């Protein structure tokens, strides 16, 4: 039973290493380009991050 556990653990570790070897890290800047609109309105207003819809609607209206 001890050897079965070791074999399972070894296979699990090997599969995690194989998956991690192909993974790549990517970064995306999400600080700019945010917009919002009120309900189903057609006018889009610029938004700042961090912020909320409530604070932004007071600025633009």
PDB file of N, CA and C in Angstrom:
ATOM      1  N   UNK A   1       0.823  -1.191   0.000  1.00  0.00           N
ATOM      2  CA  UNK A   1       0.000   0.000   0.000  1.00  0.00           C
ATOM      3  C   UNK A   1       0.870   1.260   0.000  1.00  0.00           C
ATOM      4  N   UNK A   2       1.978   1.197   0.711  1.00  0.00           N
ATOM      5  CA  UNK A   2       2.881   2.344   0.771  1.00  0.00           C
ATOM      6  C   UNK A   2       3.436   2.659  -0.613  1.00  0.00           C
ATOM      7  N   UNK A   3       3.772   1.628  -1.375  1.00  0.00           N
ATOM      8  CA  UNK A   3       4.328   1.834  -2.703  1.00  0.00           C
ATOM      9  C   UNK A   3       3.268   2.360  -3.670  1.00  0.00           C
ATOM     10  N   UNK A   4       2.036   1.950  -3.504  1.00  0.00           N
ATOM     11  CA  UNK A   4       0.945   2.446  -4.338  1.00  0.00           C
ATOM     12  C   UNK A   4       0.770   3.951  -4.128  1.00  0.00           C
ATOM     13  N   UNK A   5       0.810   4.397  -2.891  1.00  0.00           N
ATOM     14  CA  UNK A   5       0.690   5.816  -2.571  1.00  0.00           C
ATOM     15  C   UNK A   5       1.836   6.606  -3.181  1.00  0.00           C
ATOM     16  N   UNK A   6       3.041   6.061  -3.097  1.00  0.00           N
ATOM     17  CA  UNK A   6       4.212   6.742  -3.656  1.00  0.00           C
ATOM     18  C   UNK A   6       4.093   6.823  -5.176  1.00  0.00           C
ATOM     19  N   UNK A   7       3.615   5.771  -5.822  1.00  0.00           N
ATOM     20  CA  UNK A   7       3.434   5.791  -7.274  1.00  0.00           C
ATOM     21  C   UNK A   7       2.391   6.834  -7.686  1.00  0.00           C
ATOM     22  N   UNK A   8       1.287   6.883  -6.968  1.00  0.00           N
ATOM     23  CA  UNK A   8       0.243   7.867  -7.276  1.00  0.00           C
ATOM     24  C   UNK A   8       0.774   9.282  -7.082  1.00  0.00           C
ATOM     25  N   UNK A   9       1.487   9.491  -6.007  1.00  0.00           N
ATOM     26  CA  UNK A   9       2.057  10.805  -5.731  1.00  0.00           C
ATOM     27  C   UNK A   9       3.063  11.206  -6.808  1.00  0.00           C
ATOM     28  N   UNK A  10       3.869  10.276  -7.248  1.00  0.00           N
ATOM     29  CA  UNK A  10       4.857  10.542  -8.300  1.00  0.00           C
ATOM     30  C   UNK A  10       4.174  10.881  -9.617  1.00  0.00           C
ATOM     31  N   UNK A  11       3.132  10.130  -9.979  1.00  0.00           N
ATOM     32  CA  UNK A  11       2.401  10.419 -11.212  1.00  0.00           C
ATOM     33  C   UNK A  11       1.714  11.783 -11.150  1.00  0.00           C
ATOM     34  N   UNK A  12       1.151  12.117 -10.002  1.00  0.00           N
ATOM     35  CA  UNK A  12       0.499  13.416  -9.838  1.00  0.00           C
ATOM     36  C   UNK A  12       1.513  14.549  -9.976  1.00  0.00           C
ATOM     37  N   UNK A  13       2.652  14.411  -9.348  1.00  0.00           N
ATOM     38  CA  UNK A  13       3.693  15.440  -9.433  1.00  0.00           C
ATOM     39  C   UNK A  13       4.198  15.571 -10.862  1.00  0.00           C
ATOM     40  N   UNK A  14       4.389  14.465 -11.558  1.00  0.00           N
ATOM     41  CA  UNK A  14       4.869  14.500 -12.941  1.00  0.00           C
ATOM     42  C   UNK A  14       3.854  15.173 -13.857  1.00  0.00           C
ATOM     43  N   UNK A  15       2.576  14.923 -13.646  1.00  0.00           N
ATOM     44  CA  UNK A  15       1.563  15.553 -14.492  1.00  0.00           C
ATOM     45  C   UNK A  15       1.486  17.051 -14.226  1.00  0.00           C
ATOM     46  N   UNK A  16       1.648  17.479 -12.977  1.00  0.00           N
ATOM     47  CA  UNK A  16       1.650  18.907 -12.672  1.00  0.00           C
ATOM     48  C   UNK A  16       2.855  19.614 -13.282  1.00  0.00           C
ATOM     49  N   UNK A  17       3.985  18.954 -13.264  1.00  0.00           N
ATOM     50  CA  UNK A  17       5.195  19.532 -13.863  1.00  0.00           C
ATOM     51  C   UNK A  17       5.023  19.645 -15.371  1.00  0.00           C
ATOM     52  N   UNK A  18       4.434  18.629 -16.003  1.00  0.00           N
ATOM     53  CA  UNK A  18       4.234  18.648 -17.452  1.00  0.00           C
ATOM     54  C   UNK A  18       3.271  19.759 -17.852  1.00  0.00           C
ATOM     55  N   UNK A  19       2.229  19.971 -17.093  1.00  0.00           N
ATOM     56  CA  UNK A  19       1.270  21.032 -17.396  1.00  0.00           C
ATOM     57  C   UNK A  19       1.917  22.394 -17.186  1.00  0.00           C
ATOM     58  N   UNK A  20       2.681  22.563 -16.134  1.00  0.00           N
ATOM     59  CA  UNK A  20       3.327  23.837 -15.841  1.00  0.00           C
ATOM     60  C   UNK A  20       4.409  24.206 -16.830  1.00  0.00           C
ATOM     61  N   UNK A  21       5.005  23.223 -17.483  1.00  0.00           N
ATOM     62  CA  UNK A  21       6.087  23.501 -18.425  1.00  0.00           C
ATOM     63  C   UNK A  21       5.569  24.220 -19.670  1.00  0.00           C
ATOM     64  N   UNK A  22       4.342  23.959 -20.071  1.00  0.00           N
ATOM     65  CA  UNK A  22       3.787  24.571 -21.273  1.00  0.00           C
ATOM     66  C   UNK A  22       3.076  25.895 -20.993  1.00  0.00           C
ATOM     67  N   UNK A  23       2.795  26.179 -19.746  1.00  0.00           N
ATOM     68  CA  UNK A  23       2.058  27.395 -19.400  1.00  0.00           C
ATOM     69  C   UNK A  23       2.967  28.610 -19.520  1.00  0.00           C
ATOM     70  N   UNK A  24       2.406  29.699 -19.998  1.00  0.00           N
ATOM     71  CA  UNK A  24       3.168  30.938 -20.073  1.00  0.00           C
ATOM     72  C   UNK A  24       2.392  32.033 -19.338  1.00  0.00           C
ATOM     73  N   UNK A  25       3.114  32.982 -18.824  1.00  0.00           N
ATOM     74  CA  UNK A  25       2.526  34.067 -18.079  1.00  0.00           C
ATOM     75  C   UNK A  25       2.302  35.237 -19.018  1.00  0.00           C
ATOM     76  N   UNK A  26       1.135  35.836 -18.950  1.00  0.00           N
ATOM     77  CA  UNK A  26       0.879  37.028 -19.756  1.00  0.00           C
ATOM     78  C   UNK A  26       0.314  38.112 -18.849  1.00  0.00           C
ATOM     79  N   UNK A  27       0.645  39.338 -19.172  1.00  0.00           N
ATOM     80  CA  UNK A  27       0.175  40.492 -18.403  1.00  0.00           C
ATOM     81  C   UNK A  27      -0.622  41.401 -19.316  1.00  0.00           C
ATOM     82  N   UNK A  28      -1.658  41.986 -18.748  1.00  0.00           N
ATOM     83  CA  UNK A  28      -2.459  42.935 -19.500  1.00  0.00           C
ATOM     84  C   UNK A  28      -2.734  44.134 -18.599  1.00  0.00           C
ATOM     85  N   UNK A  29      -2.477  45.318 -19.101  1.00  0.00           N
ATOM     86  CA  UNK A  29      -2.719  46.534 -18.357  1.00  0.00           C
ATOM     87  C   UNK A  29      -4.207  46.871 -18.439  1.00  0.00           C
ATOM     88  N   UNK A  30      -4.883  46.919 -17.303  1.00  0.00           N
ATOM     89  CA  UNK A  30      -6.321  47.176 -17.304  1.00  0.00           C
ATOM     90  C   UNK A  30      -6.661  48.490 -16.618  1.00  0.00           C
ATOM     91  N   UNK A  31      -5.717  49.409 -16.561  1.00  0.00           N
ATOM     92  CA  UNK A  31      -5.949  50.680 -15.885  1.00  0.00           C
ATOM     93  C   UNK A  31      -6.628  51.712 -16.776  1.00  0.00           C
ATOM     94  N   UNK A  32      -6.534  51.576 -18.079  1.00  0.00           N
ATOM     95  CA  UNK A  32      -7.057  52.576 -19.003  1.00  0.00           C
ATOM     96  C   UNK A  32      -8.162  51.993 -19.877  1.00  0.00           C
ATOM     97  N   UNK A  33      -8.938  52.899 -20.467  1.00  0.00           N
ATOM     98  CA  UNK A  33      -9.923  52.478 -21.458  1.00  0.00           C
ATOM     99  C   UNK A  33     -11.271  52.067 -20.903  1.00  0.00           C
ATOM    100  N   UNK A  34     -11.561  52.343 -19.650  1.00  0.00           N
ATOM    101  CA  UNK A  34     -12.851  51.965 -19.062  1.00  0.00           C
ATOM    102  C   UNK A  34     -13.903  53.006 -19.402  1.00  0.00           C
ATOM    103  N   UNK A  35     -15.128  52.538 -19.679  1.00  0.00           N
ATOM    104  CA  UNK A  35     -16.255  53.420 -19.961  1.00  0.00           C
ATOM    105  C   UNK A  35     -17.500  52.847 -19.294  1.00  0.00           C
ATOM    106  N   UNK A  36     -18.513  53.685 -19.128  1.00  0.00           N
ATOM    107  CA  UNK A  36     -19.786  53.215 -18.600  1.00  0.00           C
ATOM    108  C   UNK A  36     -20.918  53.979 -19.257  1.00  0.00           C
ATOM    109  N   UNK A  37     -22.107  53.413 -19.193  1.00  0.00           N
ATOM    110  CA  UNK A  37     -23.300  54.099 -19.665  1.00  0.00           C
ATOM    111  C   UNK A  37     -24.422  53.850 -18.681  1.00  0.00           C
ATOM    112  N   UNK A  38     -25.424  54.693 -18.718  1.00  0.00           N
ATOM    113  CA  UNK A  38     -26.541  54.561 -17.796  1.00  0.00           C
ATOM    114  C   UNK A  38     -27.623  53.693 -18.416  1.00  0.00           C
ATOM    115  N   UNK A  39     -27.905  52.583 -17.767  1.00  0.00           N
ATOM    116  CA  UNK A  39     -28.971  51.690 -18.237  1.00  0.00           C
ATOM    117  C   UNK A  39     -28.797  51.317 -19.681  1.00  0.00           C
ATOM    118  N   UNK A  40     -29.825  51.600 -20.452  1.00  0.00           N
ATOM    119  CA  UNK A  40     -29.778  51.277 -21.877  1.00  0.00           C
ATOM    120  C   UNK A  40     -29.471  52.505 -22.735  1.00  0.00           C
ATOM    121  N   UNK A  41     -28.905  53.522 -22.096  1.00  0.00           N
ATOM    122  CA  UNK A  41     -28.547  54.737 -22.827  1.00  0.00           C
ATOM    123  C   UNK A  41     -27.503  54.461 -23.887  1.00  0.00           C
ATOM    124  N   UNK A  42     -27.352  55.399 -24.787  1.00  0.00           N
ATOM    125  CA  UNK A  42     -26.406  55.222 -25.882  1.00  0.00           C
ATOM    126  C   UNK A  42     -25.122  56.013 -25.701  1.00  0.00           C
ATOM    127  N   UNK A  43     -25.082  56.892 -24.716  1.00  0.00           N
ATOM    128  CA  UNK A  43     -23.888  57.699 -24.482  1.00  0.00           C
ATOM    129  C   UNK A  43     -22.973  56.981 -23.499  1.00  0.00           C
ATOM    130  N   UNK A  44     -21.726  56.776 -23.919  1.00  0.00           N
ATOM    131  CA  UNK A  44     -20.723  56.152 -23.062  1.00  0.00           C
ATOM    132  C   UNK A  44     -19.849  57.247 -22.469  1.00  0.00           C
ATOM    133  N   UNK A  45     -19.633  57.185 -21.160  1.00  0.00           N
ATOM    134  CA  UNK A  45     -18.818  58.158 -20.443  1.00  0.00           C
ATOM    135  C   UNK A  45     -17.506  57.522 -20.029  1.00  0.00           C
ATOM    136  N   UNK A  46     -16.416  58.291 -19.994  1.00  0.00           N
ATOM    137  CA  UNK A  46     -15.143  57.721 -19.530  1.00  0.00           C
ATOM    138  C   UNK A  46     -15.209  57.418 -18.039  1.00  0.00           C
ATOM    139  N   UNK A  47     -14.526  56.383 -17.634  1.00  0.00           N
ATOM    140  CA  UNK A  47     -14.495  55.974 -16.226  1.00  0.00           C
ATOM    141  C   UNK A  47     -13.047  55.884 -15.761  1.00  0.00           C
ATOM    142  N   UNK A  48     -12.844  56.024 -14.461  1.00  0.00           N
ATOM    143  CA  UNK A  48     -11.509  55.869 -13.887  1.00  0.00           C
ATOM    144  C   UNK A  48     -11.511  54.684 -12.940  1.00  0.00           C
ATOM    145  N   UNK A  49     -10.370  54.048 -12.841  1.00  0.00           N
ATOM    146  CA  UNK A  49     -10.212  52.898 -11.957  1.00  0.00           C
ATOM    147  C   UNK A  49      -9.237  53.281 -10.868  1.00  0.00           C
ATOM    148  N   UNK A  50      -9.490  53.112  -9.596  1.00  0.00           N
ATOM    149  CA  UNK A  50     -10.732  52.568  -9.030  1.00  0.00           C
ATOM    150  C   UNK A  50     -11.819  53.631  -8.998  1.00  0.00           C
ATOM    151  N   UNK A  51     -13.028  53.202  -9.025  1.00  0.00           N
ATOM    152  CA  UNK A  51     -14.190  54.075  -8.982  1.00  0.00           C
ATOM    153  C   UNK A  51     -15.444  53.226  -8.975  1.00  0.00           C
ATOM    154  N   UNK A  52     -16.574  53.862  -8.800  1.00  0.00           N
ATOM    155  CA  UNK A  52     -17.843  53.143  -8.844  1.00  0.00           C
ATOM    156  C   UNK A  52     -18.778  53.870  -9.788  1.00  0.00           C
ATOM    157  N   UNK A  53     -19.813  53.224 -10.188  1.00  0.00           N
ATOM    158  CA  UNK A  53     -20.796  53.835 -11.072  1.00  0.00           C
ATOM    159  C   UNK A  53     -21.419  55.052 -10.400  1.00  0.00           C
ATOM    160  N   UNK A  54     -21.603  54.985  -9.099  1.00  0.00           N
ATOM    161  CA  UNK A  54     -22.247  56.085  -8.379  1.00  0.00           C
ATOM    162  C   UNK A  54     -21.366  57.340  -8.375  1.00  0.00           C
ATOM    163  N   UNK A  55     -20.079  57.192  -8.150  1.00  0.00           N
ATOM    164  CA  UNK A  55     -19.204  58.371  -8.136  1.00  0.00           C
ATOM    165  C   UNK A  55     -19.002  58.895  -9.556  1.00  0.00           C
ATOM    166  N   UNK A  56     -18.936  58.025 -10.544  1.00  0.00           N
ATOM    167  CA  UNK A  56     -18.728  58.470 -11.925  1.00  0.00           C
ATOM    168  C   UNK A  56     -19.956  59.164 -12.473  1.00  0.00           C
ATOM    169  N   UNK A  57     -21.147  58.707 -12.119  1.00  0.00           N
ATOM    170  CA  UNK A  57     -22.353  59.339 -12.647  1.00  0.00           C
ATOM    171  C   UNK A  57     -22.506  60.755 -12.088  1.00  0.00           C
ATOM    172  N   UNK A  58     -22.036  61.005 -10.882  1.00  0.00           N
ATOM    173  CA  UNK A  58     -22.088  62.355 -10.322  1.00  0.00           C
ATOM    174  C   UNK A  58     -21.132  63.299 -11.043  1.00  0.00           C
ATOM    175  N   UNK A  59     -20.013  62.767 -11.511  1.00  0.00           N
ATOM    176  CA  UNK A  59     -19.029  63.589 -12.214  1.00  0.00           C
ATOM    177  C   UNK A  59     -19.542  64.004 -13.585  1.00  0.00           C
ATOM    178  N   UNK A  60     -20.188  63.087 -14.303  1.00  0.00           N
ATOM    179  CA  UNK A  60     -20.550  63.325 -15.696  1.00  0.00           C
ATOM    180  C   UNK A  60     -21.950  63.881 -15.881  1.00  0.00           C
ATOM    181  N   UNK A  61     -22.750  63.973 -14.842  1.00  0.00           N
ATOM    182  CA  UNK A  61     -24.120  64.474 -15.036  1.00  0.00           C
ATOM    183  C   UNK A  61     -24.340  65.811 -14.401  1.00  0.00           C
TER     184      UNK A  61
END
